[in-house]
Protein backbone atom coordinates (compact mmCIF):
# COMPACT_ATOMS: atom_id res chain seq x y z
CA MET A 1 15.77 88.43 -49.59
CA LYS A 2 16.44 86.58 -52.99
CA ALA A 3 13.36 84.60 -52.67
CA SER A 4 11.44 87.95 -52.12
CA VAL A 5 12.70 89.38 -55.03
CA LYS A 6 11.96 86.20 -57.20
CA CYS A 7 8.52 86.31 -55.93
CA ALA A 8 7.77 89.90 -56.50
CA THR A 9 9.23 89.62 -60.09
CA LEU A 10 7.19 86.60 -60.90
CA LEU A 11 4.02 88.21 -59.47
CA PHE A 12 5.05 91.23 -61.78
CA VAL A 13 5.21 89.11 -64.88
CA VAL A 14 1.76 87.29 -64.05
CA LEU A 15 0.15 90.95 -63.70
CA VAL A 16 1.59 92.13 -66.79
CA ALA A 17 0.54 88.83 -68.73
CA PHE A 18 -2.91 89.16 -67.37
CA ILE A 19 -3.52 92.73 -68.39
CA PHE A 20 -2.16 91.97 -71.75
CA LEU A 21 -4.72 88.94 -72.20
CA VAL A 22 -7.40 91.06 -70.86
CA GLY A 23 -6.50 93.80 -73.21
CA CYS A 24 -6.47 91.31 -76.02
CA GLN A 25 -9.94 89.95 -75.21
CA SER A 26 -11.35 93.15 -74.63
CA GLU A 27 -10.05 94.58 -78.16
CA GLY A 28 -11.64 91.25 -79.64
CA ASP A 29 -14.88 92.06 -77.75
CA GLU A 30 -14.98 95.47 -79.22
CA GLU A 31 -14.24 94.41 -82.73
CA MET A 32 -17.20 91.70 -82.57
CA ARG A 33 -19.54 94.35 -81.06
CA GLN A 34 -18.83 96.86 -83.79
CA LYS A 35 -19.64 94.20 -86.35
CA THR A 36 -22.79 93.45 -84.61
CA ILE A 37 -23.73 97.17 -84.79
CA GLU A 38 -22.97 97.33 -88.42
CA GLN A 39 -24.89 94.50 -89.21
CA GLU A 40 -27.84 95.75 -87.11
CA ALA A 41 -27.45 99.23 -89.11
CA LEU A 42 -27.56 97.36 -92.42
CA GLU A 43 -30.88 95.57 -91.35
CA TYR A 44 -32.35 98.75 -90.03
CA LEU A 45 -31.58 100.58 -93.51
CA GLU A 46 -32.94 97.30 -95.65
CA ASP A 47 -36.01 97.43 -93.71
CA ARG A 48 -36.51 101.25 -94.01
CA TYR A 49 -35.31 101.94 -97.83
CA SER A 50 -35.31 100.18 -101.18
CA ALA A 51 -31.67 101.16 -102.07
CA ASP A 52 -28.45 99.21 -101.24
CA PHE A 53 -26.10 100.33 -98.63
CA ASN A 54 -22.62 99.80 -97.10
CA ILE A 55 -21.30 100.88 -93.72
CA LEU A 56 -18.09 102.78 -93.95
CA ASN A 57 -17.23 103.57 -90.19
CA ALA A 58 -18.71 102.99 -86.84
CA GLU A 59 -17.52 104.71 -83.68
CA GLU A 60 -18.78 104.07 -80.19
CA LYS A 61 -19.14 107.10 -77.97
CA THR A 62 -19.70 107.62 -74.20
CA SER A 63 -23.08 109.15 -73.36
CA GLY A 64 -22.83 112.22 -71.03
CA PRO A 65 -19.77 114.05 -69.46
CA GLY A 66 -16.80 112.13 -67.68
CA PRO A 67 -14.37 114.34 -66.52
CA ILE A 68 -13.26 111.86 -63.69
CA PRO A 69 -11.92 108.43 -64.73
CA SER A 70 -13.99 105.70 -63.71
CA PHE A 71 -13.97 102.01 -64.09
CA LYS A 72 -17.92 102.12 -63.88
CA THR A 73 -19.49 101.31 -67.10
CA LYS A 74 -21.23 104.09 -68.73
CA PRO A 75 -23.88 104.04 -71.46
CA THR A 76 -22.78 104.44 -74.93
CA TYR A 77 -24.25 105.32 -78.44
CA TRP A 78 -22.81 104.73 -81.67
CA VAL A 79 -22.31 107.11 -84.87
CA LEU A 80 -22.04 105.30 -88.22
CA LEU A 81 -21.26 106.79 -91.79
CA ALA A 82 -22.96 104.99 -94.57
CA GLU A 83 -23.29 105.24 -98.16
CA SER A 84 -26.01 104.31 -100.79
CA ARG A 85 -25.35 102.93 -104.40
CA GLN A 86 -28.38 105.65 -105.16
CA PHE A 87 -25.86 108.42 -104.66
CA PRO A 88 -22.26 107.52 -105.54
CA GLY A 89 -19.56 109.49 -103.66
CA GLU A 90 -21.94 110.89 -100.72
CA THR A 91 -22.43 109.71 -97.38
CA PHE A 92 -25.04 110.19 -94.46
CA THR A 93 -24.98 109.34 -90.86
CA LEU A 94 -26.87 106.98 -88.57
CA VAL A 95 -27.06 107.02 -84.94
CA ARG A 96 -27.89 104.27 -82.42
CA ALA A 97 -28.93 105.74 -79.22
CA VAL A 98 -28.22 104.31 -75.78
CA SER A 99 -31.64 103.00 -75.88
CA GLY A 100 -30.99 100.94 -78.85
CA THR A 101 -33.33 102.91 -81.14
CA TRP A 102 -31.94 104.17 -84.62
CA GLN A 103 -32.25 107.58 -86.30
CA ASP A 104 -30.62 108.56 -89.79
CA ASN A 105 -30.46 111.54 -92.11
CA TYR A 106 -30.56 109.58 -95.49
CA TYR A 107 -33.22 112.32 -96.19
CA SER A 108 -30.37 114.63 -96.54
CA LEU A 109 -29.37 112.93 -99.85
CA LEU A 110 -32.81 112.16 -100.92
CA LEU A 111 -34.22 115.89 -100.41
CA ASN A 112 -31.32 118.07 -100.86
CA GLN A 113 -31.49 118.87 -104.50
CA GLU A 114 -35.23 119.34 -104.30
CA ALA A 115 -34.72 121.55 -101.16
CA ILE A 116 -32.16 123.77 -103.08
CA THR A 117 -34.56 124.29 -105.98
CA THR A 118 -37.22 125.10 -103.68
CA VAL A 119 -35.29 127.71 -101.82
CA ASN A 120 -34.07 129.03 -105.14
CA GLU A 121 -37.53 129.58 -106.23
CA LEU A 122 -37.84 132.06 -103.61
CA ILE A 123 -34.65 134.11 -104.11
CA LYS A 124 -33.90 133.80 -107.93
CA GLY A 125 -34.12 137.15 -109.58
CA LYS A 126 -33.50 139.09 -106.25
CA ILE A 127 -29.68 138.35 -106.08
CA THR A 128 -27.95 139.81 -109.08
CA VAL A 129 -24.71 138.00 -108.67
CA GLU A 130 -23.82 134.35 -109.16
CA TYR A 131 -24.80 132.16 -105.99
CA ILE A 132 -24.70 128.73 -104.57
CA ILE A 133 -27.11 127.47 -102.02
CA GLN A 134 -26.29 124.78 -99.57
CA ILE A 135 -28.55 123.06 -96.64
CA GLY A 136 -26.77 122.16 -93.45
CA TRP A 137 -28.53 118.93 -92.55
CA THR A 138 -28.45 117.18 -89.07
CA VAL A 139 -29.27 113.83 -87.84
CA GLU A 140 -33.03 114.46 -86.49
CA GLY A 141 -35.11 111.47 -87.92
CA TRP A 142 -37.91 111.43 -90.40
CA PRO A 143 -40.97 113.39 -89.25
CA GLU A 144 -43.98 111.04 -88.61
CA GLY A 145 -45.80 109.83 -91.75
CA THR A 146 -42.97 110.53 -94.09
CA ASN A 147 -40.67 108.07 -95.64
CA GLU A 148 -38.39 107.74 -98.80
CA GLU A 149 -41.14 108.50 -101.18
CA SER A 150 -42.08 111.99 -99.55
CA SER A 151 -41.32 115.18 -101.32
CA PHE A 152 -39.44 117.79 -99.70
CA LEU A 153 -42.48 120.06 -99.18
CA GLU A 154 -44.23 116.92 -97.65
CA TRP A 155 -41.38 116.49 -95.25
CA VAL A 156 -41.43 120.06 -94.35
CA ASP A 157 -45.21 120.20 -93.83
CA ALA A 158 -44.90 116.94 -91.50
CA GLY A 159 -42.51 119.02 -89.29
CA GLY A 160 -38.97 118.29 -90.89
CA ARG A 161 -36.47 121.01 -89.55
CA ILE A 162 -33.80 122.62 -91.60
CA PRO A 163 -31.15 123.78 -89.10
CA MET A 164 -29.31 125.98 -91.53
CA ILE A 165 -29.59 127.34 -95.26
CA MET A 166 -26.40 128.87 -96.45
CA ILE A 167 -26.27 131.19 -99.67
CA TYR A 168 -22.65 132.00 -100.94
CA LEU A 169 -22.24 135.15 -103.32
CA ARG A 170 -19.45 135.00 -105.66
CA CYS A 171 -17.03 137.99 -105.36
CA SER A 172 -19.88 140.01 -103.83
CA VAL A 173 -20.56 141.52 -100.22
CA PRO A 174 -24.16 140.69 -99.22
CA ASP A 175 -26.50 143.61 -99.10
CA GLY A 176 -28.00 143.49 -95.44
CA VAL A 177 -31.36 144.92 -96.40
CA ILE A 178 -31.91 142.55 -99.41
CA CYS A 179 -30.48 139.49 -97.26
CA GLU A 180 -32.85 140.24 -94.39
CA GLN A 181 -35.90 140.45 -96.93
CA LEU A 182 -34.85 137.08 -98.44
CA SER A 183 -34.23 135.45 -94.96
CA ASN A 184 -37.67 136.60 -93.89
CA GLU A 185 -39.33 134.89 -97.02
CA ILE A 186 -37.46 131.72 -96.27
CA HIS A 187 -38.45 131.75 -92.69
CA CYS A 188 -42.01 132.38 -93.57
CA SER A 189 -42.25 129.62 -96.13
CA PHE A 190 -40.38 127.08 -93.90
CA PRO A 191 -40.85 127.88 -90.28
CA ASN A 192 -38.77 124.99 -89.09
CA THR A 193 -35.70 126.58 -90.39
CA GLY A 194 -32.76 127.77 -88.03
CA SER A 195 -30.39 130.04 -89.52
CA VAL A 196 -30.16 131.67 -92.99
CA ILE A 197 -26.57 132.71 -93.48
CA PHE A 198 -25.29 134.57 -96.57
CA TYR A 199 -21.58 134.82 -97.33
CA GLY A 200 -19.67 136.86 -99.67
CA VAL A 201 -17.01 134.74 -100.85
CA VAL A 202 -13.89 135.26 -103.24
CA ASP A 203 -13.39 132.97 -106.21
CA GLU A 204 -11.22 130.31 -104.73
CA GLY A 205 -13.81 129.89 -101.93
CA TYR A 206 -16.64 129.68 -104.24
CA MET A 207 -15.05 127.06 -106.31
CA TYR A 208 -14.38 125.12 -103.30
CA ILE A 209 -18.04 125.34 -102.23
CA ASN A 210 -19.21 124.51 -105.48
CA ASN A 211 -17.36 120.98 -105.31
CA GLN A 212 -18.40 120.12 -101.92
CA LYS A 213 -20.29 117.00 -101.11
CA ILE A 214 -23.75 117.17 -99.27
CA SER A 215 -22.68 115.93 -96.07
CA SER A 216 -19.61 118.34 -95.80
CA VAL A 217 -20.73 121.69 -96.06
CA GLY A 218 -19.27 125.24 -95.03
CA ILE A 219 -16.18 127.05 -95.37
CA PRO A 220 -12.88 125.46 -93.52
CA ASN A 221 -11.84 127.39 -90.67
CA GLU A 222 -8.28 127.50 -92.01
CA HIS A 223 -9.49 129.44 -95.14
CA TYR A 224 -12.12 131.47 -93.48
CA LYS A 225 -10.36 134.89 -93.41
CA GLU A 226 -8.72 134.66 -96.75
CA TRP A 227 -12.06 133.57 -98.62
CA VAL A 228 -14.96 135.24 -96.79
CA LEU A 229 -15.52 138.89 -97.50
CA GLU A 230 -18.40 139.06 -95.21
CA ARG A 231 -21.22 136.90 -93.48
CA LEU A 232 -24.64 137.80 -92.51
CA SER A 233 -26.84 135.57 -90.44
CA PHE A 234 -30.46 135.68 -89.72
CA ARG A 235 -32.93 133.51 -87.39
CA ASP A 236 -36.58 133.63 -87.30
């Protein structure tokens, strides 16, 4: 009986040690894989753009739903956060697909101010209160035939998509008729625009929006009720 207990204890210790070693090896492999992906990302960016870049974060994600735990390896993709010395304090996103191909939205930094200026040309003088324009960018890659030298209008004409344009009115409730007219003008000028959203916001919310970074637009959920007076959304 004692021998049996000793044998079982020994097996348990060996099993725990094995799991620990496998865990350590797995952690080391993951760290090495992350470094490889980050280096890949830098090489991709350096081949495509003339700026200098840093990778701030890299996260591996499982592709597709997986409600049932499984030991079977599932395909993964990577989402990375990067910065460019050309735009201090701002960040953009890269995605490495399951297939190994890369996409990025560095255009969100390169084109953001020009996009805001272009939209402003359409609406200035038609809104009588102070307002801020924000562009909600996503990661969809560059349209064929465009690059870092392309203008915003060239990017749009090549098929570039603007998922969302947000216009924040300072301490004013948006007028439905005027906002719909402006939305129609924006969609007519930029057919690949998703939603055009008008917000009436209180001073505190307006100042928050005014200080936001390009990559983090919108009203935080925890302040939505206290800051937003009204929201009007229009789609083409």
